[in-house]
Amino acid sequence: MARKAWDTHTAGIITPVVTSVTAERTLTFPDRNLDLGRVDELGQVSPNVAALTATRTLTFADRNLNLNGVWDDSGWTSVAGGSFLNSWVNYDTANWNGAAYRRVSSGMVILRGLIKSGTVGSAAFTLPVGYRPSKNMTFAVPSNDAFGRLTIDSSGNVNPTIGSNVYFALDGVTFYPD
């Protein structure tokens, strides 16, 4: 299910749901600044936006939100040598995808690739803020032609918890970060 980043009221007013606000409480657009207005008792910002700029995009530290309701696709971010932990490495990148992650326009995070040689039960790499679940999540994945279990914790640690270090698949792991 796609997470809505705004509500459009019958009067046509767009109300973005913002989880944090800068001290200035201002959104900057190419041709004007928008005062964020009031913050309600739940901490939601409710500006009365009568018009939007041509770009219709809000920029946050970890992503952009197009006010047409689409999160920018982050593209694939490869997990490179120094990013791996506990002796995990990519498995045969000449023939298989290396470990990578992305956040697509719906906000969903997707993992792909094969890893090997690390210590099962210890983190292979860490997802950055904005790509992490708020609570631990567990996924069934192939591991050396058998069952493997992958856990992603709220700190972003991607941990092959059960399986083989001959190879451990990340393909098919998808979730919505909270």
N, C-alpha and C. Protein backbone atom coordinates (compact mmCIF):
# COMPACT_ATOMS: atom_id res chain seq x y z
N MET A 1 0.83 -1.17 0.00
CA MET A 1 0.00 0.00 0.00
C MET A 1 0.88 1.23 0.00
N ALA A 2 0.65 2.16 -0.90
CA ALA A 2 1.43 3.39 -0.96
C ALA A 2 1.07 4.28 0.22
N ARG A 3 2.08 4.88 0.80
CA ARG A 3 1.82 5.80 1.90
C ARG A 3 1.54 7.18 1.33
N LYS A 4 0.40 7.76 1.73
CA LYS A 4 0.08 9.11 1.28
C LYS A 4 0.94 10.11 2.03
N ALA A 5 1.44 11.06 1.32
CA ALA A 5 2.27 12.09 1.94
C ALA A 5 1.50 13.39 2.08
N TRP A 6 0.21 13.38 1.74
CA TRP A 6 -0.60 14.57 1.83
C TRP A 6 -2.07 14.19 1.81
N ASP A 7 -2.94 15.13 2.15
CA ASP A 7 -4.38 15.01 1.98
C ASP A 7 -4.84 16.17 1.13
N THR A 8 -5.76 15.94 0.22
CA THR A 8 -6.37 17.03 -0.54
C THR A 8 -7.81 17.14 -0.07
N HIS A 9 -8.17 18.29 0.47
CA HIS A 9 -9.50 18.51 0.99
C HIS A 9 -10.45 18.93 -0.13
N THR A 10 -11.74 18.92 0.15
CA THR A 10 -12.73 19.26 -0.87
C THR A 10 -12.52 20.67 -1.41
N ALA A 11 -11.94 21.55 -0.64
CA ALA A 11 -11.69 22.91 -1.10
C ALA A 11 -10.45 22.98 -1.99
N GLY A 12 -9.76 21.83 -2.20
CA GLY A 12 -8.58 21.80 -3.06
C GLY A 12 -7.31 22.18 -2.33
N ILE A 13 -7.37 22.26 -1.01
CA ILE A 13 -6.20 22.63 -0.22
C ILE A 13 -5.37 21.37 0.03
N ILE A 14 -4.07 21.43 -0.24
CA ILE A 14 -3.17 20.30 -0.02
C ILE A 14 -2.55 20.44 1.36
N THR A 15 -2.62 19.38 2.15
CA THR A 15 -2.06 19.37 3.49
C THR A 15 -0.97 18.31 3.56
N PRO A 16 0.32 18.70 3.37
CA PRO A 16 1.38 17.70 3.49
C PRO A 16 1.48 17.18 4.93
N VAL A 17 1.79 15.91 5.07
CA VAL A 17 2.04 15.33 6.38
C VAL A 17 3.55 15.33 6.57
N VAL A 18 4.05 16.22 7.41
CA VAL A 18 5.48 16.41 7.61
C VAL A 18 5.84 15.93 9.00
N THR A 19 6.87 15.09 9.12
CA THR A 19 7.23 14.55 10.43
C THR A 19 8.19 15.45 11.20
N SER A 20 8.90 16.33 10.52
CA SER A 20 9.77 17.29 11.21
C SER A 20 9.84 18.57 10.38
N VAL A 21 10.11 19.64 11.07
CA VAL A 21 10.10 20.96 10.45
C VAL A 21 11.35 21.70 10.90
N THR A 22 11.96 22.48 9.99
CA THR A 22 13.12 23.27 10.38
C THR A 22 12.69 24.38 11.33
N ALA A 23 13.65 24.96 12.02
CA ALA A 23 13.35 26.02 12.97
C ALA A 23 12.61 27.18 12.31
N GLU A 24 12.92 27.43 11.04
CA GLU A 24 12.28 28.55 10.33
C GLU A 24 10.86 28.22 9.90
N ARG A 25 10.49 26.93 9.93
CA ARG A 25 9.16 26.48 9.49
C ARG A 25 8.79 27.02 8.13
N THR A 26 9.76 26.96 7.20
CA THR A 26 9.54 27.49 5.86
C THR A 26 9.97 26.46 4.82
N LEU A 27 9.14 26.29 3.80
CA LEU A 27 9.50 25.49 2.64
C LEU A 27 9.96 26.44 1.56
N THR A 28 11.07 26.13 0.91
CA THR A 28 11.61 27.01 -0.12
C THR A 28 11.34 26.42 -1.50
N PHE A 29 10.72 27.20 -2.36
CA PHE A 29 10.47 26.85 -3.75
C PHE A 29 11.34 27.74 -4.62
N PRO A 30 11.52 27.40 -5.91
CA PRO A 30 12.38 28.22 -6.77
C PRO A 30 11.94 29.69 -6.86
N ASP A 31 10.64 29.94 -6.77
CA ASP A 31 10.19 31.31 -6.97
C ASP A 31 9.54 31.94 -5.74
N ARG A 32 9.47 31.21 -4.62
CA ARG A 32 8.88 31.80 -3.41
C ARG A 32 9.13 30.91 -2.21
N ASN A 33 8.92 31.44 -1.03
CA ASN A 33 8.96 30.67 0.20
C ASN A 33 7.54 30.49 0.70
N LEU A 34 7.28 29.38 1.35
CA LEU A 34 5.96 29.10 1.87
C LEU A 34 6.07 28.93 3.37
N ASP A 35 5.40 29.80 4.11
CA ASP A 35 5.35 29.68 5.56
C ASP A 35 4.52 28.45 5.88
N LEU A 36 5.02 27.56 6.72
CA LEU A 36 4.31 26.33 6.99
C LEU A 36 3.05 26.53 7.81
N GLY A 37 2.83 27.70 8.37
CA GLY A 37 1.59 27.94 9.08
C GLY A 37 1.55 27.21 10.40
N ARG A 38 0.37 26.70 10.75
CA ARG A 38 0.18 26.13 12.09
C ARG A 38 0.62 24.68 12.15
N VAL A 39 1.01 24.25 13.34
CA VAL A 39 1.28 22.85 13.63
C VAL A 39 0.21 22.41 14.61
N ASP A 40 -0.58 21.38 14.26
CA ASP A 40 -1.68 20.98 15.12
C ASP A 40 -1.19 20.17 16.30
N GLU A 41 -2.12 19.76 17.16
CA GLU A 41 -1.76 19.06 18.39
C GLU A 41 -1.11 17.70 18.15
N LEU A 42 -1.25 17.15 16.95
CA LEU A 42 -0.60 15.89 16.61
C LEU A 42 0.77 16.09 15.97
N GLY A 43 1.16 17.35 15.80
CA GLY A 43 2.46 17.65 15.21
C GLY A 43 2.43 17.68 13.70
N GLN A 44 1.24 17.63 13.09
CA GLN A 44 1.16 17.70 11.64
C GLN A 44 1.09 19.15 11.20
N VAL A 45 1.84 19.45 10.16
CA VAL A 45 1.87 20.80 9.60
C VAL A 45 0.73 20.94 8.61
N SER A 46 -0.04 22.00 8.73
CA SER A 46 -1.20 22.18 7.87
C SER A 46 -1.18 23.55 7.20
N PRO A 47 -0.32 23.73 6.18
CA PRO A 47 -0.36 25.00 5.48
C PRO A 47 -1.56 25.05 4.54
N ASN A 48 -2.08 26.22 4.30
CA ASN A 48 -3.15 26.39 3.34
C ASN A 48 -2.48 26.80 2.03
N VAL A 49 -2.28 25.84 1.14
CA VAL A 49 -1.58 26.09 -0.11
C VAL A 49 -2.61 26.34 -1.19
N ALA A 50 -2.64 27.56 -1.67
CA ALA A 50 -3.60 27.90 -2.72
C ALA A 50 -2.99 27.70 -4.11
N ALA A 51 -1.67 27.83 -4.21
CA ALA A 51 -0.98 27.66 -5.49
C ALA A 51 0.37 27.00 -5.25
N LEU A 52 0.84 26.30 -6.24
CA LEU A 52 2.13 25.64 -6.14
C LEU A 52 3.02 26.10 -7.28
N THR A 53 4.32 25.95 -7.09
CA THR A 53 5.25 26.34 -8.15
C THR A 53 5.25 25.31 -9.26
N ALA A 54 5.93 25.62 -10.32
CA ALA A 54 5.97 24.73 -11.48
C ALA A 54 6.60 23.38 -11.12
N THR A 55 7.58 23.36 -10.23
CA THR A 55 8.24 22.09 -9.91
C THR A 55 7.41 21.21 -9.00
N ARG A 56 6.54 21.79 -8.18
CA ARG A 56 5.67 21.06 -7.27
C ARG A 56 6.42 19.99 -6.49
N THR A 57 7.61 20.31 -6.00
CA THR A 57 8.44 19.33 -5.30
C THR A 57 8.91 19.88 -3.96
N LEU A 58 8.78 19.07 -2.91
CA LEU A 58 9.34 19.38 -1.60
C LEU A 58 10.62 18.58 -1.45
N THR A 59 11.67 19.19 -0.95
CA THR A 59 12.94 18.49 -0.78
C THR A 59 13.19 18.27 0.71
N PHE A 60 13.45 16.99 1.07
CA PHE A 60 13.79 16.61 2.43
C PHE A 60 15.23 16.11 2.42
N ALA A 61 15.79 15.85 3.60
CA ALA A 61 17.18 15.42 3.70
C ALA A 61 17.44 14.11 2.96
N ASP A 62 16.47 13.19 2.96
CA ASP A 62 16.72 11.87 2.39
C ASP A 62 15.91 11.55 1.14
N ARG A 63 15.06 12.45 0.68
CA ARG A 63 14.25 12.18 -0.51
C ARG A 63 13.51 13.43 -0.95
N ASN A 64 12.95 13.37 -2.14
CA ASN A 64 12.11 14.44 -2.64
C ASN A 64 10.68 13.93 -2.73
N LEU A 65 9.72 14.81 -2.48
CA LEU A 65 8.31 14.48 -2.63
C LEU A 65 7.71 15.39 -3.67
N ASN A 66 7.26 14.81 -4.76
CA ASN A 66 6.55 15.56 -5.77
C ASN A 66 5.14 15.73 -5.25
N LEU A 67 4.60 16.94 -5.25
CA LEU A 67 3.29 17.17 -4.68
C LEU A 67 2.17 16.58 -5.53
N ASN A 68 2.51 15.97 -6.64
CA ASN A 68 1.51 15.17 -7.35
C ASN A 68 1.36 13.83 -6.65
N GLY A 69 2.13 13.61 -5.58
CA GLY A 69 1.99 12.41 -4.77
C GLY A 69 2.99 11.32 -5.07
N VAL A 70 4.10 11.61 -5.70
CA VAL A 70 5.06 10.59 -6.09
C VAL A 70 6.41 10.87 -5.44
N TRP A 71 6.94 9.87 -4.70
CA TRP A 71 8.29 9.98 -4.18
C TRP A 71 9.25 9.74 -5.34
N ASP A 72 10.33 10.50 -5.40
CA ASP A 72 11.35 10.25 -6.40
C ASP A 72 11.93 8.86 -6.20
N ASP A 73 12.22 8.17 -7.29
CA ASP A 73 12.90 6.88 -7.23
C ASP A 73 14.38 7.16 -6.96
N SER A 74 14.94 6.51 -5.96
CA SER A 74 16.33 6.77 -5.58
C SER A 74 17.33 6.16 -6.55
N GLY A 75 16.89 5.18 -7.37
CA GLY A 75 17.84 4.42 -8.18
C GLY A 75 18.59 3.44 -7.28
N TRP A 76 19.30 2.51 -7.90
CA TRP A 76 20.03 1.50 -7.12
C TRP A 76 21.26 2.09 -6.48
N THR A 77 21.46 1.80 -5.20
CA THR A 77 22.68 2.15 -4.48
C THR A 77 23.41 0.84 -4.19
N SER A 78 24.58 0.69 -4.76
CA SER A 78 25.36 -0.54 -4.56
C SER A 78 26.00 -0.56 -3.19
N VAL A 79 26.04 -1.74 -2.61
CA VAL A 79 26.79 -1.94 -1.37
C VAL A 79 28.20 -2.29 -1.82
N ALA A 80 29.12 -1.39 -1.61
CA ALA A 80 30.49 -1.57 -2.10
C ALA A 80 31.39 -2.10 -0.99
N GLY A 81 32.60 -2.51 -1.39
CA GLY A 81 33.57 -3.13 -0.50
C GLY A 81 33.60 -2.65 0.93
N GLY A 82 33.85 -1.37 1.17
CA GLY A 82 33.97 -0.84 2.52
C GLY A 82 32.66 -0.79 3.28
N SER A 83 31.54 -0.94 2.57
CA SER A 83 30.23 -0.89 3.23
C SER A 83 29.82 -2.24 3.81
N PHE A 84 30.46 -3.32 3.34
CA PHE A 84 30.13 -4.64 3.88
C PHE A 84 30.72 -4.80 5.27
N LEU A 85 30.07 -5.61 6.08
CA LEU A 85 30.50 -5.88 7.46
C LEU A 85 30.73 -7.38 7.64
N ASN A 86 31.50 -7.75 8.62
CA ASN A 86 31.63 -9.14 9.07
C ASN A 86 31.98 -10.14 7.95
N SER A 87 32.89 -9.72 7.09
CA SER A 87 33.45 -10.54 6.00
C SER A 87 32.48 -10.85 4.87
N TRP A 88 31.29 -10.23 4.83
CA TRP A 88 30.38 -10.42 3.70
C TRP A 88 30.91 -9.68 2.49
N VAL A 89 30.73 -10.26 1.30
CA VAL A 89 31.15 -9.66 0.02
C VAL A 89 30.11 -10.04 -1.03
N ASN A 90 30.16 -9.38 -2.18
CA ASN A 90 29.30 -9.75 -3.29
C ASN A 90 29.70 -11.11 -3.85
N TYR A 91 28.71 -11.84 -4.36
CA TYR A 91 28.92 -13.15 -4.96
C TYR A 91 29.00 -12.99 -6.48
N ASP A 92 30.09 -13.31 -7.10
CA ASP A 92 30.25 -13.40 -8.56
C ASP A 92 29.49 -12.32 -9.33
N THR A 93 29.96 -11.08 -9.24
CA THR A 93 29.26 -9.96 -9.90
C THR A 93 29.37 -9.99 -11.41
N ALA A 94 30.18 -10.87 -11.97
CA ALA A 94 30.21 -11.03 -13.43
C ALA A 94 28.93 -11.69 -13.93
N ASN A 95 28.30 -12.50 -13.09
CA ASN A 95 27.11 -13.24 -13.49
C ASN A 95 25.86 -12.94 -12.67
N TRP A 96 26.01 -12.29 -11.54
CA TRP A 96 24.88 -12.01 -10.64
C TRP A 96 24.94 -10.55 -10.20
N ASN A 97 23.78 -10.01 -9.83
CA ASN A 97 23.76 -8.66 -9.26
C ASN A 97 24.47 -8.65 -7.92
N GLY A 98 25.24 -7.59 -7.70
CA GLY A 98 25.81 -7.37 -6.38
C GLY A 98 24.74 -6.80 -5.47
N ALA A 99 25.02 -6.79 -4.19
CA ALA A 99 24.07 -6.26 -3.21
C ALA A 99 23.78 -4.79 -3.50
N ALA A 100 22.50 -4.44 -3.50
CA ALA A 100 22.09 -3.06 -3.74
C ALA A 100 20.70 -2.86 -3.14
N TYR A 101 20.32 -1.61 -2.96
CA TYR A 101 19.00 -1.26 -2.44
C TYR A 101 18.51 0.00 -3.14
N ARG A 102 17.20 0.18 -3.12
CA ARG A 102 16.60 1.40 -3.69
C ARG A 102 15.26 1.64 -3.03
N ARG A 103 14.81 2.89 -3.11
CA ARG A 103 13.46 3.26 -2.68
C ARG A 103 12.73 3.74 -3.93
N VAL A 104 11.62 3.09 -4.27
CA VAL A 104 10.87 3.44 -5.48
C VAL A 104 9.81 4.49 -5.17
N SER A 105 9.11 4.94 -6.21
CA SER A 105 8.21 6.07 -6.09
C SER A 105 7.10 5.87 -5.05
N SER A 106 6.71 4.65 -4.77
CA SER A 106 5.68 4.41 -3.74
C SER A 106 6.24 4.54 -2.33
N GLY A 107 7.57 4.62 -2.19
CA GLY A 107 8.22 4.65 -0.88
C GLY A 107 8.77 3.30 -0.47
N MET A 108 8.44 2.24 -1.22
CA MET A 108 8.91 0.90 -0.89
C MET A 108 10.42 0.78 -1.09
N VAL A 109 11.06 0.07 -0.18
CA VAL A 109 12.48 -0.24 -0.29
C VAL A 109 12.61 -1.64 -0.87
N ILE A 110 13.53 -1.80 -1.84
CA ILE A 110 13.76 -3.07 -2.51
C ILE A 110 15.25 -3.42 -2.39
N LEU A 111 15.55 -4.67 -2.05
CA LEU A 111 16.92 -5.16 -2.04
C LEU A 111 17.12 -6.11 -3.22
N ARG A 112 18.36 -6.24 -3.67
CA ARG A 112 18.69 -7.22 -4.70
C ARG A 112 20.13 -7.68 -4.52
N GLY A 113 20.46 -8.79 -5.19
CA GLY A 113 21.84 -9.25 -5.23
C GLY A 113 22.08 -10.51 -4.43
N LEU A 114 23.30 -11.03 -4.60
CA LEU A 114 23.76 -12.20 -3.86
C LEU A 114 25.03 -11.82 -3.10
N ILE A 115 25.13 -12.29 -1.85
CA ILE A 115 26.32 -12.06 -1.04
C ILE A 115 26.85 -13.41 -0.55
N LYS A 116 28.10 -13.42 -0.07
CA LYS A 116 28.72 -14.68 0.36
C LYS A 116 29.81 -14.41 1.41
N SER A 117 30.31 -15.48 1.98
CA SER A 117 31.54 -15.54 2.77
C SER A 117 31.51 -14.89 4.15
N GLY A 118 30.42 -14.27 4.53
CA GLY A 118 30.38 -13.60 5.83
C GLY A 118 29.99 -14.54 6.96
N THR A 119 29.85 -13.96 8.12
CA THR A 119 29.45 -14.71 9.31
C THR A 119 27.93 -14.70 9.42
N VAL A 120 27.30 -15.87 9.22
CA VAL A 120 25.85 -15.97 9.36
C VAL A 120 25.48 -15.63 10.80
N GLY A 121 24.48 -14.78 10.95
CA GLY A 121 24.09 -14.32 12.28
C GLY A 121 24.63 -12.94 12.60
N SER A 122 25.40 -12.35 11.66
CA SER A 122 25.94 -11.00 11.87
C SER A 122 25.59 -10.13 10.66
N ALA A 123 25.52 -8.85 10.87
CA ALA A 123 25.10 -7.91 9.83
C ALA A 123 26.04 -7.95 8.63
N ALA A 124 25.43 -7.91 7.43
CA ALA A 124 26.20 -7.87 6.19
C ALA A 124 26.48 -6.42 5.77
N PHE A 125 25.52 -5.54 6.01
CA PHE A 125 25.66 -4.11 5.73
C PHE A 125 24.52 -3.38 6.44
N THR A 126 24.57 -2.05 6.41
CA THR A 126 23.56 -1.24 7.10
C THR A 126 22.88 -0.30 6.11
N LEU A 127 21.56 -0.30 6.13
CA LEU A 127 20.78 0.62 5.30
C LEU A 127 20.80 2.01 5.92
N PRO A 128 20.81 3.06 5.10
CA PRO A 128 20.82 4.42 5.64
C PRO A 128 19.45 4.82 6.20
N VAL A 129 19.43 5.88 6.97
CA VAL A 129 18.18 6.45 7.47
C VAL A 129 17.27 6.74 6.28
N GLY A 130 15.99 6.50 6.44
CA GLY A 130 15.03 6.67 5.35
C GLY A 130 14.77 5.38 4.60
N TYR A 131 15.62 4.38 4.83
CA TYR A 131 15.48 3.07 4.18
C TYR A 131 15.28 1.98 5.23
N ARG A 132 15.10 2.35 6.48
CA ARG A 132 15.05 1.40 7.59
C ARG A 132 13.62 1.19 8.09
N PRO A 133 13.29 -0.03 8.51
CA PRO A 133 11.98 -0.22 9.16
C PRO A 133 12.00 0.31 10.58
N SER A 134 10.83 0.64 11.13
CA SER A 134 10.79 1.13 12.51
C SER A 134 10.89 -0.01 13.51
N LYS A 135 10.57 -1.22 13.08
CA LYS A 135 10.70 -2.41 13.92
C LYS A 135 11.39 -3.49 13.11
N ASN A 136 11.97 -4.47 13.79
CA ASN A 136 12.66 -5.56 13.10
C ASN A 136 11.71 -6.28 12.14
N MET A 137 12.25 -6.68 10.98
CA MET A 137 11.47 -7.42 9.99
C MET A 137 12.27 -8.65 9.58
N THR A 138 11.56 -9.75 9.27
CA THR A 138 12.19 -11.00 8.88
C THR A 138 11.65 -11.44 7.53
N PHE A 139 12.54 -11.97 6.68
CA PHE A 139 12.20 -12.39 5.32
C PHE A 139 12.78 -13.77 5.04
N ALA A 140 12.02 -14.59 4.34
CA ALA A 140 12.51 -15.89 3.87
C ALA A 140 13.19 -15.68 2.52
N VAL A 141 14.40 -16.17 2.37
CA VAL A 141 15.17 -16.00 1.13
C VAL A 141 15.92 -17.29 0.79
N PRO A 142 16.30 -17.47 -0.48
CA PRO A 142 17.14 -18.62 -0.82
C PRO A 142 18.57 -18.43 -0.30
N SER A 143 19.15 -19.51 0.15
CA SER A 143 20.53 -19.48 0.63
C SER A 143 21.17 -20.83 0.32
N ASN A 144 22.04 -20.86 -0.70
CA ASN A 144 22.71 -22.09 -1.12
C ASN A 144 21.69 -23.20 -1.40
N ASP A 145 20.66 -22.84 -2.18
CA ASP A 145 19.59 -23.76 -2.57
C ASP A 145 18.81 -24.33 -1.39
N ALA A 146 18.75 -23.60 -0.30
CA ALA A 146 17.97 -24.00 0.87
C ALA A 146 17.30 -22.76 1.46
N PHE A 147 16.61 -22.95 2.58
CA PHE A 147 15.94 -21.85 3.27
C PHE A 147 16.95 -20.94 3.97
N GLY A 148 16.75 -19.66 3.83
CA GLY A 148 17.53 -18.69 4.58
C GLY A 148 16.59 -17.68 5.21
N ARG A 149 16.99 -17.09 6.30
CA ARG A 149 16.20 -16.03 6.95
C ARG A 149 17.05 -14.78 7.05
N LEU A 150 16.47 -13.68 6.57
CA LEU A 150 17.12 -12.37 6.61
C LEU A 150 16.35 -11.50 7.58
N THR A 151 17.05 -10.84 8.48
CA THR A 151 16.42 -9.90 9.40
C THR A 151 16.98 -8.51 9.13
N ILE A 152 16.09 -7.54 9.05
CA ILE A 152 16.50 -6.13 8.96
C ILE A 152 15.98 -5.46 10.22
N ASP A 153 16.89 -4.91 11.02
CA ASP A 153 16.46 -4.29 12.27
C ASP A 153 16.24 -2.79 12.11
N SER A 154 15.71 -2.17 13.14
CA SER A 154 15.35 -0.75 13.07
C SER A 154 16.56 0.17 12.97
N SER A 155 17.76 -0.36 13.19
CA SER A 155 19.00 0.42 12.98
C SER A 155 19.49 0.28 11.56
N GLY A 156 18.79 -0.51 10.74
CA GLY A 156 19.15 -0.69 9.34
C GLY A 156 20.10 -1.84 9.07
N ASN A 157 20.45 -2.61 10.10
CA ASN A 157 21.36 -3.74 9.90
C ASN A 157 20.67 -4.84 9.11
N VAL A 158 21.27 -5.24 7.99
CA VAL A 158 20.77 -6.31 7.15
C VAL A 158 21.54 -7.56 7.55
N ASN A 159 20.84 -8.48 8.23
CA ASN A 159 21.49 -9.59 8.91
C ASN A 159 21.02 -10.94 8.38
N PRO A 160 21.88 -11.67 7.66
CA PRO A 160 21.55 -13.06 7.29
C PRO A 160 21.57 -13.91 8.56
N THR A 161 20.41 -14.21 9.12
CA THR A 161 20.36 -14.85 10.44
C THR A 161 20.37 -16.37 10.39
N ILE A 162 19.78 -16.97 9.33
CA ILE A 162 19.80 -18.42 9.16
C ILE A 162 20.10 -18.70 7.69
N GLY A 163 20.99 -19.63 7.42
CA GLY A 163 21.31 -19.99 6.05
C GLY A 163 22.79 -20.30 5.91
N SER A 164 23.24 -20.23 4.69
CA SER A 164 24.61 -20.58 4.35
C SER A 164 25.36 -19.35 3.85
N ASN A 165 26.64 -19.30 4.13
CA ASN A 165 27.43 -18.19 3.58
C ASN A 165 28.07 -18.55 2.24
N VAL A 166 27.71 -19.71 1.66
CA VAL A 166 28.14 -20.03 0.29
C VAL A 166 27.50 -19.01 -0.65
N TYR A 167 26.21 -18.77 -0.50
CA TYR A 167 25.55 -17.59 -1.07
C TYR A 167 24.27 -17.33 -0.30
N PHE A 168 23.90 -16.08 -0.27
CA PHE A 168 22.71 -15.62 0.44
C PHE A 168 22.04 -14.60 -0.46
N ALA A 169 20.79 -14.87 -0.87
CA ALA A 169 20.08 -14.01 -1.82
C ALA A 169 19.33 -12.88 -1.10
N LEU A 170 19.39 -11.69 -1.71
CA LEU A 170 18.63 -10.54 -1.22
C LEU A 170 17.45 -10.22 -2.15
N ASP A 171 17.45 -10.84 -3.33
CA ASP A 171 16.39 -10.59 -4.31
C ASP A 171 15.02 -10.87 -3.72
N GLY A 172 14.07 -10.01 -4.00
CA GLY A 172 12.70 -10.20 -3.55
C GLY A 172 12.38 -9.61 -2.19
N VAL A 173 13.37 -9.08 -1.48
CA VAL A 173 13.11 -8.46 -0.19
C VAL A 173 12.58 -7.06 -0.44
N THR A 174 11.35 -6.81 0.00
CA THR A 174 10.71 -5.49 -0.16
C THR A 174 9.97 -5.14 1.11
N PHE A 175 9.95 -3.85 1.45
CA PHE A 175 9.20 -3.40 2.63
C PHE A 175 9.03 -1.89 2.56
N TYR A 176 8.09 -1.40 3.35
CA TYR A 176 7.90 0.04 3.50
C TYR A 176 8.56 0.49 4.79
N PRO A 177 9.52 1.41 4.71
CA PRO A 177 10.11 1.93 5.94
C PRO A 177 9.08 2.79 6.67
N ASP A 178 9.19 2.84 7.98
CA ASP A 178 8.24 3.65 8.76
C ASP A 178 8.87 4.92 9.23
